[in-house]
Amino acid sequence: MDYLYKAIQKEMGVALPEQPPQVEPEERPAAQFAVAASAVVPEMPSIATPLETPLTFTASMGGARSVEFPMKSERLYCQRAGKMSRGQRHALEQIRVLRSRVLEMTRSQNIHSLMVTSAVAGEFKTTTSINLALALSQVQGVRVCLVDTDMRKAGIADALGIAYERGLHDYLQDTAPIGKVLLRLTESLCLVPSGGTDENSAEILHSETMASLVQELKKAFDLVIYDAPPLFPVADARILANLVDGALFCVRAGHTPDSIIQEAMELIRPKVMGAVLVGADVNSSGWYYYEHKASGKE
């Protein structure tokens, strides 16, 4: 993990602990997020206002089918109600920090389409994509679309328990119009599921149809989040990186060797806007954390 920390400190100007926090393999990294860096901009106050000029749905997007949004999925930290564990509260706050930085990027660097990827499988990038998209959509006036581009191993719809008939694969194969594959989860959040699986997904993503879709979605939404496959061992994420404005790189603490992280980041370095460390030990003295006591004192 040393490579990731040094690279972020050198190139992104984000202060981090001298030593990365570690987590035992049997712990649940999905329940603990630590935003190592999520933008190339300096630390900014949280943004509670929407984008200055919210976009509206185009006519082609108007046919989106509304689906019942899953309120109790264990993958969602922004929808939890009632008592939360310390790890869940920490995850929620870090997602909000990530949201603030992403919103700042849209203003300062004209970022409106963002790919979330990782070096290898098991880095919880899909969990990050889902929660980031939901958190962004909770900001008044911000319309968000979440797109599952992993046509080898679909994850978002299954993680949320959403049933669907057609998705991105069907659209790119010219068997369904965009309005038929777009699912409206909330008033300001839509989902394009992956659709059918296809071992030739790299060729499908490397098409004029996909390039046009990326541009069309940018016109219809304020922010589009693409959950991409890992960079190794397939080419899909590298192809998508050429189409989007930027990329977030997910790393699971104590999981991926430094050499793999370094090689993966080099593949899409011009598009990497920051990194998200998942599975950090919130009890580590290197991470700042506070909670309000019953007395009201911190």
C-alpha atoms as a PDB file:
ATOM      1  CA  MET A   1       0.000   0.000   0.000  1.00  0.00           C
ATOM      2  CA  ASP A   2       2.997   2.335   0.355  1.00  0.00           C
ATOM      3  CA  TYR A   3       2.949   3.132  -3.361  1.00  0.00           C
ATOM      4  CA  LEU A   4      -0.631   4.392  -3.263  1.00  0.00           C
ATOM      5  CA  TYR A   5       0.021   6.643  -0.275  1.00  0.00           C
ATOM      6  CA  LYS A   6       3.227   8.135  -1.680  1.00  0.00           C
ATOM      7  CA  ALA A   7       1.686   8.685  -5.126  1.00  0.00           C
ATOM      8  CA  ILE A   8      -1.318  10.507  -3.687  1.00  0.00           C
ATOM      9  CA  GLN A   9       0.813  12.669  -1.413  1.00  0.00           C
ATOM     10  CA  LYS A  10       3.165  13.601  -4.247  1.00  0.00           C
ATOM     11  CA  GLU A  11       0.685  14.221  -7.034  1.00  0.00           C
ATOM     12  CA  MET A  12      -2.576  15.115  -5.326  1.00  0.00           C
ATOM     13  CA  GLY A  13      -1.440  17.102  -2.311  1.00  0.00           C
ATOM     14  CA  VAL A  14      -3.546  15.188   0.206  1.00  0.00           C
ATOM     15  CA  ALA A  15      -2.197  14.670   3.709  1.00  0.00           C
ATOM     16  CA  LEU A  16      -2.290  11.034   4.796  1.00  0.00           C
ATOM     17  CA  PRO A  17      -1.015   8.988   7.738  1.00  0.00           C
ATOM     18  CA  GLU A  18       2.636   7.979   7.496  1.00  0.00           C
ATOM     19  CA  GLN A  19       1.651   4.326   7.615  1.00  0.00           C
ATOM     20  CA  PRO A  20      -1.505   2.974   5.968  1.00  0.00           C
ATOM     21  CA  PRO A  21      -4.014   1.430   8.377  1.00  0.00           C
ATOM     22  CA  GLN A  22      -4.263  -2.358   8.162  1.00  0.00           C
ATOM     23  CA  VAL A  23      -7.254  -4.637   8.480  1.00  0.00           C
ATOM     24  CA  GLU A  24      -7.379  -8.317   9.264  1.00  0.00           C
ATOM     25  CA  PRO A  25      -8.612 -10.515   6.368  1.00  0.00           C
ATOM     26  CA  GLU A  26     -11.661 -11.733   8.258  1.00  0.00           C
ATOM     27  CA  GLU A  27     -12.989  -8.218   8.908  1.00  0.00           C
ATOM     28  CA  ARG A  28     -15.685  -6.774   6.621  1.00  0.00           C
ATOM     29  CA  PRO A  29     -14.000  -4.026   4.593  1.00  0.00           C
ATOM     30  CA  ALA A  30     -17.334  -3.041   3.044  1.00  0.00           C
ATOM     31  CA  ALA A  31     -18.415  -1.567   6.358  1.00  0.00           C
ATOM     32  CA  GLN A  32     -15.506   0.837   6.658  1.00  0.00           C
ATOM     33  CA  PHE A  33     -14.482   3.479   4.131  1.00  0.00           C
ATOM     34  CA  ALA A  34     -11.599   5.891   4.351  1.00  0.00           C
ATOM     35  CA  VAL A  35     -11.251   8.502   1.653  1.00  0.00           C
ATOM     36  CA  ALA A  36      -7.553   8.522   0.912  1.00  0.00           C
ATOM     37  CA  ALA A  37      -8.065  11.073  -1.822  1.00  0.00           C
ATOM     38  CA  SER A  38     -10.984  11.808  -4.034  1.00  0.00           C
ATOM     39  CA  ALA A  39      -9.913  14.890  -5.943  1.00  0.00           C
ATOM     40  CA  VAL A  40      -6.886  16.770  -7.135  1.00  0.00           C
ATOM     41  CA  VAL A  41      -8.266  19.938  -5.574  1.00  0.00           C
ATOM     42  CA  PRO A  42      -7.253  21.046  -2.058  1.00  0.00           C
ATOM     43  CA  GLU A  43      -9.412  20.243   0.949  1.00  0.00           C
ATOM     44  CA  MET A  44     -12.665  22.179   0.672  1.00  0.00           C
ATOM     45  CA  PRO A  45     -15.659  22.670   2.985  1.00  0.00           C
ATOM     46  CA  SER A  46     -18.599  20.373   2.355  1.00  0.00           C
ATOM     47  CA  ILE A  47     -20.897  21.508  -0.432  1.00  0.00           C
ATOM     48  CA  ALA A  48     -24.577  21.575   0.427  1.00  0.00           C
ATOM     49  CA  THR A  49     -25.790  23.372  -2.678  1.00  0.00           C
ATOM     50  CA  PRO A  50     -26.626  21.877  -6.078  1.00  0.00           C
ATOM     51  CA  LEU A  51     -24.788  22.530  -9.314  1.00  0.00           C
ATOM     52  CA  GLU A  52     -25.401  26.026 -10.648  1.00  0.00           C
ATOM     53  CA  THR A  53     -27.239  24.875 -13.779  1.00  0.00           C
ATOM     54  CA  PRO A  54     -28.951  21.504 -13.198  1.00  0.00           C
ATOM     55  CA  LEU A  55     -29.638  19.664 -16.422  1.00  0.00           C
ATOM     56  CA  THR A  56     -33.015  18.219 -17.337  1.00  0.00           C
ATOM     57  CA  PHE A  57     -33.944  14.858 -18.814  1.00  0.00           C
ATOM     58  CA  THR A  58     -33.918  14.740 -22.582  1.00  0.00           C
ATOM     59  CA  ALA A  59     -36.928  13.345 -24.417  1.00  0.00           C
ATOM     60  CA  SER A  60     -35.214  10.005 -24.955  1.00  0.00           C
ATOM     61  CA  MET A  61     -34.774   9.572 -21.208  1.00  0.00           C
ATOM     62  CA  GLY A  62     -38.418  10.178 -20.444  1.00  0.00           C
ATOM     63  CA  GLY A  63     -39.404   6.532 -20.770  1.00  0.00           C
ATOM     64  CA  ALA A  64     -37.444   5.399 -17.725  1.00  0.00           C
ATOM     65  CA  ARG A  65     -39.324   2.780 -15.709  1.00  0.00           C
ATOM     66  CA  SER A  66     -39.734   3.481 -11.999  1.00  0.00           C
ATOM     67  CA  VAL A  67     -38.795   0.644  -9.681  1.00  0.00           C
ATOM     68  CA  GLU A  68     -39.177   0.220  -5.954  1.00  0.00           C
ATOM     69  CA  PHE A  69     -35.908   1.313  -4.416  1.00  0.00           C
ATOM     70  CA  PRO A  70     -34.430  -1.236  -1.967  1.00  0.00           C
ATOM     71  CA  MET A  71     -34.266   0.517   1.387  1.00  0.00           C
ATOM     72  CA  LYS A  72     -32.667  -2.289   3.390  1.00  0.00           C
ATOM     73  CA  SER A  73     -29.800  -3.506   1.237  1.00  0.00           C
ATOM     74  CA  GLU A  74     -26.683  -4.140   3.336  1.00  0.00           C
ATOM     75  CA  ARG A  75     -24.630  -2.488   0.585  1.00  0.00           C
ATOM     76  CA  LEU A  76     -26.277   0.883   1.217  1.00  0.00           C
ATOM     77  CA  TYR A  77     -24.883   3.193   3.887  1.00  0.00           C
ATOM     78  CA  CYS A  78     -26.740   6.332   2.759  1.00  0.00           C
ATOM     79  CA  GLN A  79     -30.182   4.783   3.297  1.00  0.00           C
ATOM     80  CA  ARG A  80     -29.743   3.257   6.736  1.00  0.00           C
ATOM     81  CA  ALA A  81     -32.246   4.132   9.407  1.00  0.00           C
ATOM     82  CA  GLY A  82     -32.205   3.600  13.141  1.00  0.00           C
ATOM     83  CA  LYS A  83     -29.165   2.662  15.171  1.00  0.00           C
ATOM     84  CA  MET A  84     -25.906   2.351  13.264  1.00  0.00           C
ATOM     85  CA  SER A  85     -22.661   0.786  14.372  1.00  0.00           C
ATOM     86  CA  ARG A  86     -19.526   2.904  14.663  1.00  0.00           C
ATOM     87  CA  GLY A  87     -18.176   1.393  11.457  1.00  0.00           C
ATOM     88  CA  GLN A  88     -21.400   2.183   9.600  1.00  0.00           C
ATOM     89  CA  ARG A  89     -21.404   5.767  10.830  1.00  0.00           C
ATOM     90  CA  HIS A  90     -17.792   6.168   9.796  1.00  0.00           C
ATOM     91  CA  ALA A  91     -18.572   4.730   6.346  1.00  0.00           C
ATOM     92  CA  LEU A  92     -21.484   7.121   5.907  1.00  0.00           C
ATOM     93  CA  GLU A  93     -19.418  10.173   6.844  1.00  0.00           C
ATOM     94  CA  GLN A  94     -16.592   9.180   4.502  1.00  0.00           C
ATOM     95  CA  ILE A  95     -19.070   8.731   1.664  1.00  0.00           C
ATOM     96  CA  ARG A  96     -20.289  12.265   2.349  1.00  0.00           C
ATOM     97  CA  VAL A  97     -16.702  13.522   2.242  1.00  0.00           C
ATOM     98  CA  LEU A  98     -16.238  11.748  -1.077  1.00  0.00           C
ATOM     99  CA  ARG A  99     -19.452  13.309  -2.361  1.00  0.00           C
ATOM    100  CA  SER A 100     -18.270  16.807  -1.440  1.00  0.00           C
ATOM    101  CA  ARG A 101     -15.007  16.377  -3.274  1.00  0.00           C
ATOM    102  CA  VAL A 102     -16.663  14.931  -6.361  1.00  0.00           C
ATOM    103  CA  LEU A 103     -19.095  17.865  -6.462  1.00  0.00           C
ATOM    104  CA  GLU A 104     -16.172  20.250  -6.206  1.00  0.00           C
ATOM    105  CA  MET A 105     -14.537  18.522  -9.179  1.00  0.00           C
ATOM    106  CA  THR A 106     -17.636  19.051 -11.285  1.00  0.00           C
ATOM    107  CA  ARG A 107     -17.385  22.767 -10.643  1.00  0.00           C
ATOM    108  CA  SER A 108     -13.648  23.342 -10.820  1.00  0.00           C
ATOM    109  CA  GLN A 109     -12.674  20.794 -13.487  1.00  0.00           C
ATOM    110  CA  ASN A 110     -15.855  20.241 -15.495  1.00  0.00           C
ATOM    111  CA  ILE A 111     -16.120  16.583 -14.475  1.00  0.00           C
ATOM    112  CA  HIS A 112     -19.548  15.137 -15.265  1.00  0.00           C
ATOM    113  CA  SER A 113     -18.815  11.487 -15.985  1.00  0.00           C
ATOM    114  CA  LEU A 114     -16.788   9.430 -13.520  1.00  0.00           C
ATOM    115  CA  MET A 115     -15.615   5.833 -13.717  1.00  0.00           C
ATOM    116  CA  VAL A 116     -15.086   3.823 -10.531  1.00  0.00           C
ATOM    117  CA  THR A 117     -12.618   0.982 -10.915  1.00  0.00           C
ATOM    118  CA  SER A 118      -9.907  -0.997  -9.111  1.00  0.00           C
ATOM    119  CA  ALA A 119      -6.845  -3.068  -9.885  1.00  0.00           C
ATOM    120  CA  VAL A 120      -8.403  -6.459  -9.219  1.00  0.00           C
ATOM    121  CA  ALA A 121     -11.693  -7.934  -8.037  1.00  0.00           C
ATOM    122  CA  GLY A 122     -12.667  -7.792  -4.378  1.00  0.00           C
ATOM    123  CA  GLU A 123     -11.899  -4.089  -3.808  1.00  0.00           C
ATOM    124  CA  PHE A 124     -15.556  -3.138  -3.147  1.00  0.00           C
ATOM    125  CA  LYS A 125     -15.738  -0.727  -6.075  1.00  0.00           C
ATOM    126  CA  THR A 126     -19.389  -1.622  -6.734  1.00  0.00           C
ATOM    127  CA  THR A 127     -20.322  -0.790  -3.139  1.00  0.00           C
ATOM    128  CA  THR A 128     -18.455   2.501  -3.537  1.00  0.00           C
ATOM    129  CA  SER A 129     -20.203   3.262  -6.844  1.00  0.00           C
ATOM    130  CA  ILE A 130     -23.673   2.597  -5.421  1.00  0.00           C
ATOM    131  CA  ASN A 131     -23.214   4.693  -2.298  1.00  0.00           C
ATOM    132  CA  LEU A 132     -21.493   7.563  -4.108  1.00  0.00           C
ATOM    133  CA  ALA A 133     -24.284   7.761  -6.687  1.00  0.00           C
ATOM    134  CA  LEU A 134     -26.964   7.693  -4.007  1.00  0.00           C
ATOM    135  CA  ALA A 135     -25.192  10.308  -1.885  1.00  0.00           C
ATOM    136  CA  LEU A 136     -24.799  12.616  -4.888  1.00  0.00           C
ATOM    137  CA  SER A 137     -28.473  12.266  -5.774  1.00  0.00           C
ATOM    138  CA  GLN A 138     -29.435  13.344  -2.250  1.00  0.00           C
ATOM    139  CA  VAL A 139     -28.093  16.837  -2.955  1.00  0.00           C
ATOM    140  CA  GLN A 140     -30.997  19.031  -4.015  1.00  0.00           C
ATOM    141  CA  GLY A 141     -31.116  19.649  -7.760  1.00  0.00           C
ATOM    142  CA  VAL A 142     -28.467  17.080  -8.728  1.00  0.00           C
ATOM    143  CA  ARG A 143     -29.624  14.361 -11.128  1.00  0.00           C
ATOM    144  CA  VAL A 144     -27.437  11.259 -11.163  1.00  0.00           C
ATOM    145  CA  CYS A 145     -27.246   8.184 -13.351  1.00  0.00           C
ATOM    146  CA  LEU A 146     -25.458   5.022 -12.221  1.00  0.00           C
ATOM    147  CA  VAL A 147     -24.325   2.739 -15.058  1.00  0.00           C
ATOM    148  CA  ASP A 148     -23.180  -0.857 -14.582  1.00  0.00           C
ATOM    149  CA  THR A 149     -20.614  -1.407 -17.346  1.00  0.00           C
ATOM    150  CA  ASP A 150     -19.437  -4.799 -16.092  1.00  0.00           C
ATOM    151  CA  MET A 151     -21.010  -7.061 -18.669  1.00  0.00           C
ATOM    152  CA  ARG A 152     -18.851  -9.974 -17.587  1.00  0.00           C
ATOM    153  CA  LYS A 153     -20.057 -10.034 -13.986  1.00  0.00           C
ATOM    154  CA  ALA A 154     -23.031  -7.768 -13.318  1.00  0.00           C
ATOM    155  CA  GLY A 155     -23.217  -6.524  -9.766  1.00  0.00           C
ATOM    156  CA  ILE A 156     -25.308  -3.420  -9.093  1.00  0.00           C
ATOM    157  CA  ALA A 157     -28.824  -4.725  -9.766  1.00  0.00           C
ATOM    158  CA  ASP A 158     -28.088  -7.951  -7.908  1.00  0.00           C
ATOM    159  CA  ALA A 159     -26.605  -6.061  -4.960  1.00  0.00           C
ATOM    160  CA  LEU A 160     -29.742  -3.919  -4.700  1.00  0.00           C
ATOM    161  CA  GLY A 161     -32.185  -6.734  -5.397  1.00  0.00           C
ATOM    162  CA  ILE A 162     -33.591  -5.050  -8.499  1.00  0.00           C
ATOM    163  CA  ALA A 163     -35.225  -7.188 -11.169  1.00  0.00           C
ATOM    164  CA  TYR A 164     -34.741  -6.089 -14.773  1.00  0.00           C
ATOM    165  CA  GLU A 165     -35.205  -7.510 -18.245  1.00  0.00           C
ATOM    166  CA  ARG A 166     -32.827  -5.426 -20.344  1.00  0.00           C
ATOM    167  CA  GLY A 167     -29.761  -3.303 -19.747  1.00  0.00           C
ATOM    168  CA  LEU A 168     -26.630  -1.745 -21.216  1.00  0.00           C
ATOM    169  CA  HIS A 169     -25.736  -4.863 -23.180  1.00  0.00           C
ATOM    170  CA  ASP A 170     -29.112  -4.830 -24.930  1.00  0.00           C
ATOM    171  CA  TYR A 171     -28.834  -1.148 -25.758  1.00  0.00           C
ATOM    172  CA  LEU A 172     -25.345  -1.505 -27.226  1.00  0.00           C
ATOM    173  CA  GLN A 173     -26.516  -4.469 -29.281  1.00  0.00           C
ATOM    174  CA  ASP A 174     -29.293  -2.315 -30.763  1.00  0.00           C
ATOM    175  CA  THR A 175     -32.032  -4.449 -29.261  1.00  0.00           C
ATOM    176  CA  ALA A 176     -33.490  -1.860 -26.871  1.00  0.00           C
ATOM    177  CA  PRO A 177     -33.841   1.955 -26.824  1.00  0.00           C
ATOM    178  CA  ILE A 178     -32.269   3.809 -23.911  1.00  0.00           C
ATOM    179  CA  GLY A 179     -35.665   4.542 -22.375  1.00  0.00           C
ATOM    180  CA  LYS A 180     -36.280   0.802 -22.026  1.00  0.00           C
ATOM    181  CA  VAL A 181     -33.076   0.072 -20.126  1.00  0.00           C
ATOM    182  CA  LEU A 182     -33.143   3.094 -17.815  1.00  0.00           C
ATOM    183  CA  LEU A 183     -34.580   2.457 -14.340  1.00  0.00           C
ATOM    184  CA  ARG A 184     -35.659   5.345 -12.107  1.00  0.00           C
ATOM    185  CA  LEU A 185     -34.774   4.516  -8.491  1.00  0.00           C
ATOM    186  CA  THR A 186     -35.662   7.881  -6.981  1.00  0.00           C
ATOM    187  CA  GLU A 187     -36.730  11.268  -8.331  1.00  0.00           C
ATOM    188  CA  SER A 188     -33.080  12.179  -8.956  1.00  0.00           C
ATOM    189  CA  LEU A 189     -31.323   8.803  -9.341  1.00  0.00           C
ATOM    190  CA  CYS A 190     -31.481   6.463 -12.340  1.00  0.00           C
ATOM    191  CA  LEU A 191     -29.771   3.152 -13.034  1.00  0.00           C
ATOM    192  CA  VAL A 192     -28.704   1.455 -16.241  1.00  0.00           C
ATOM    193  CA  PRO A 193     -28.118  -2.209 -15.305  1.00  0.00           C
ATOM    194  CA  SER A 194     -25.543  -4.229 -17.210  1.00  0.00           C
ATOM    195  CA  GLY A 195     -27.996  -6.460 -19.029  1.00  0.00           C
ATOM    196  CA  GLY A 196     -26.803  -9.788 -20.386  1.00  0.00           C
ATOM    197  CA  THR A 197     -23.283 -11.094 -19.847  1.00  0.00           C
ATOM    198  CA  ASP A 198     -20.899 -11.129 -22.775  1.00  0.00           C
ATOM    199  CA  GLU A 199     -17.290 -12.288 -23.004  1.00  0.00           C
ATOM    200  CA  ASN A 200     -16.879  -9.888 -25.928  1.00  0.00           C
ATOM    201  CA  SER A 201     -17.825  -6.861 -23.845  1.00  0.00           C
ATOM    202  CA  ALA A 202     -14.569  -5.086 -24.709  1.00  0.00           C
ATOM    203  CA  GLU A 203     -15.572  -4.945 -28.358  1.00  0.00           C
ATOM    204  CA  ILE A 204     -19.060  -3.726 -27.439  1.00  0.00           C
ATOM    205  CA  LEU A 205     -17.711  -0.935 -25.229  1.00  0.00           C
ATOM    206  CA  HIS A 206     -15.237   0.012 -27.951  1.00  0.00           C
ATOM    207  CA  SER A 207     -18.021   1.185 -30.232  1.00  0.00           C
ATOM    208  CA  GLU A 208     -19.504   4.414 -31.520  1.00  0.00           C
ATOM    209  CA  THR A 209     -22.764   3.477 -29.818  1.00  0.00           C
ATOM    210  CA  MET A 210     -21.105   3.468 -26.385  1.00  0.00           C
ATOM    211  CA  ALA A 211     -19.268   6.715 -27.088  1.00  0.00           C
ATOM    212  CA  SER A 212     -22.543   8.340 -28.116  1.00  0.00           C
ATOM    213  CA  LEU A 213     -24.314   7.019 -25.032  1.00  0.00           C
ATOM    214  CA  VAL A 214     -21.700   8.560 -22.733  1.00  0.00           C
ATOM    215  CA  GLN A 215     -22.297  11.936 -24.342  1.00  0.00           C
ATOM    216  CA  GLU A 216     -26.094  11.554 -24.289  1.00  0.00           C
ATOM    217  CA  LEU A 217     -26.114  10.703 -20.583  1.00  0.00           C
ATOM    218  CA  LYS A 218     -23.949  13.743 -19.822  1.00  0.00           C
ATOM    219  CA  LYS A 219     -26.618  15.915 -21.457  1.00  0.00           C
ATOM    220  CA  ALA A 220     -29.414  14.328 -19.435  1.00  0.00           C
ATOM    221  CA  PHE A 221     -27.778  14.164 -15.988  1.00  0.00           C
ATOM    222  CA  ASP A 222     -25.558  16.336 -13.842  1.00  0.00           C
ATOM    223  CA  LEU A 223     -23.306  13.413 -12.939  1.00  0.00           C
ATOM    224  CA  VAL A 224     -22.930   9.935 -14.407  1.00  0.00           C
ATOM    225  CA  ILE A 225     -21.162   7.243 -12.365  1.00  0.00           C
ATOM    226  CA  TYR A 226     -19.854   4.210 -14.264  1.00  0.00           C
ATOM    227  CA  ASP A 227     -19.143   1.082 -12.252  1.00  0.00           C
ATOM    228  CA  ALA A 228     -16.383  -0.471 -14.369  1.00  0.00           C
ATOM    229  CA  PRO A 229     -14.727  -3.902 -14.233  1.00  0.00           C
ATOM    230  CA  PRO A 230     -11.304  -4.175 -12.550  1.00  0.00           C
ATOM    231  CA  LEU A 231      -8.333  -3.143 -14.686  1.00  0.00           C
ATOM    232  CA  PHE A 232      -6.852  -6.638 -14.457  1.00  0.00           C
ATOM    233  CA  PRO A 233      -7.165  -8.940 -16.288  1.00  0.00           C
ATOM    234  CA  VAL A 234      -9.648  -7.453 -18.830  1.00  0.00           C
ATOM    235  CA  ALA A 235      -9.463  -4.385 -21.091  1.00  0.00           C
ATOM    236  CA  ASP A 236     -12.972  -3.021 -20.463  1.00  0.00           C
ATOM    237  CA  ALA A 237     -12.047  -0.358 -17.887  1.00  0.00           C
ATOM    238  CA  ARG A 238      -9.181   0.936 -20.025  1.00  0.00           C
ATOM    239  CA  ILE A 239     -11.574   1.393 -22.937  1.00  0.00           C
ATOM    240  CA  LEU A 240     -14.118   3.191 -20.761  1.00  0.00           C
ATOM    241  CA  ALA A 241     -11.421   5.462 -19.316  1.00  0.00           C
ATOM    242  CA  ASN A 242     -11.005   7.002 -22.757  1.00  0.00           C
ATOM    243  CA  LEU A 243     -14.689   7.973 -22.834  1.00  0.00           C
ATOM    244  CA  VAL A 244     -15.271   9.474 -19.368  1.00  0.00           C
ATOM    245  CA  ASP A 245     -14.036  12.691 -17.784  1.00  0.00           C
ATOM    246  CA  GLY A 246     -12.258  11.051 -14.856  1.00  0.00           C
ATOM    247  CA  ALA A 247     -11.807   7.970 -12.691  1.00  0.00           C
ATOM    248  CA  LEU A 248     -11.805   7.013  -9.027  1.00  0.00           C
ATOM    249  CA  PHE A 249      -9.501   4.175  -8.029  1.00  0.00           C
ATOM    250  CA  CYS A 250     -10.648   1.856  -5.215  1.00  0.00           C
ATOM    251  CA  VAL A 251      -8.131   0.038  -3.032  1.00  0.00           C
ATOM    252  CA  ARG A 252      -8.983  -2.414  -0.279  1.00  0.00           C
ATOM    253  CA  ALA A 253      -6.676  -2.062   2.710  1.00  0.00           C
ATOM    254  CA  GLY A 254      -4.306  -4.976   3.161  1.00  0.00           C
ATOM    255  CA  HIS A 255      -5.588  -6.743   0.036  1.00  0.00           C
ATOM    256  CA  THR A 256      -3.666  -5.779  -3.090  1.00  0.00           C
ATOM    257  CA  PRO A 257       0.151  -5.887  -3.486  1.00  0.00           C
ATOM    258  CA  ASP A 258       1.905  -2.564  -4.127  1.00  0.00           C
ATOM    259  CA  SER A 259       3.210  -3.704  -7.504  1.00  0.00           C
ATOM    260  CA  ILE A 260      -0.307  -4.472  -8.766  1.00  0.00           C
ATOM    261  CA  ILE A 261      -1.644  -1.111  -7.544  1.00  0.00           C
ATOM    262  CA  GLN A 262       1.199   0.733  -9.251  1.00  0.00           C
ATOM    263  CA  GLU A 263       0.795  -1.096 -12.552  1.00  0.00           C
ATOM    264  CA  ALA A 264      -2.980  -0.603 -12.579  1.00  0.00           C
ATOM    265  CA  MET A 265      -2.829   3.122 -11.841  1.00  0.00           C
ATOM    266  CA  GLU A 266      -0.287   3.634 -14.596  1.00  0.00           C
ATOM    267  CA  LEU A 267      -2.761   2.215 -17.129  1.00  0.00           C
ATOM    268  CA  ILE A 268      -5.232   5.071 -16.615  1.00  0.00           C
ATOM    269  CA  ARG A 269      -3.109   7.658 -14.811  1.00  0.00           C
ATOM    270  CA  PRO A 270      -4.218  10.657 -16.938  1.00  0.00           C
ATOM    271  CA  LYS A 271      -7.829  10.057 -15.870  1.00  0.00           C
ATOM    272  CA  VAL A 272      -7.290   9.203 -12.178  1.00  0.00           C
ATOM    273  CA  MET A 273      -8.833  11.986 -10.089  1.00  0.00           C
ATOM    274  CA  GLY A 274      -8.245  10.284  -6.758  1.00  0.00           C
ATOM    275  CA  ALA A 275      -8.410   7.087  -4.765  1.00  0.00           C
ATOM    276  CA  VAL A 276     -10.744   5.612  -2.176  1.00  0.00           C
ATOM    277  CA  LEU A 277      -9.312   3.376   0.526  1.00  0.00           C
ATOM    278  CA  VAL A 278     -11.854   0.753   1.603  1.00  0.00           C
ATOM    279  CA  GLY A 279     -11.547  -1.386   4.693  1.00  0.00           C
ATOM    280  CA  ALA A 280      -9.415   0.975   6.754  1.00  0.00           C
ATOM    281  CA  ASP A 281      -9.291   0.304  10.490  1.00  0.00           C
ATOM    282  CA  VAL A 282     -11.273   3.174  12.013  1.00  0.00           C
ATOM    283  CA  ASN A 283      -9.609   2.497  15.368  1.00  0.00           C
ATOM    284  CA  SER A 284      -6.183   3.264  13.928  1.00  0.00           C
ATOM    285  CA  SER A 285      -4.581   6.306  15.553  1.00  0.00           C
ATOM    286  CA  GLY A 286      -3.605   7.511  12.077  1.00  0.00           C
ATOM    287  CA  TRP A 287      -7.196   8.329  11.132  1.00  0.00           C
ATOM    288  CA  TYR A 288      -9.098  11.219  12.613  1.00  0.00           C
ATOM    289  CA  TYR A 289     -12.499  10.204  13.930  1.00  0.00           C
ATOM    290  CA  TYR A 290     -14.920  11.673  16.403  1.00  0.00           C
ATOM    291  CA  GLU A 291     -18.389  11.007  17.625  1.00  0.00           C
ATOM    292  CA  HIS A 292     -20.835  12.961  19.754  1.00  0.00           C
ATOM    293  CA  LYS A 293     -21.348  11.587  23.220  1.00  0.00           C
ATOM    294  CA  ALA A 294     -24.698  11.539  24.922  1.00  0.00           C
ATOM    295  CA  SER A 295     -23.691  14.618  26.902  1.00  0.00           C
ATOM    296  CA  GLY A 296     -23.186  16.553  23.695  1.00  0.00           C
ATOM    297  CA  LYS A 297     -19.403  16.724  24.094  1.00  0.00           C
ATOM    298  CA  GLU A 298     -17.101  15.471  21.379  1.00  0.00           C
END
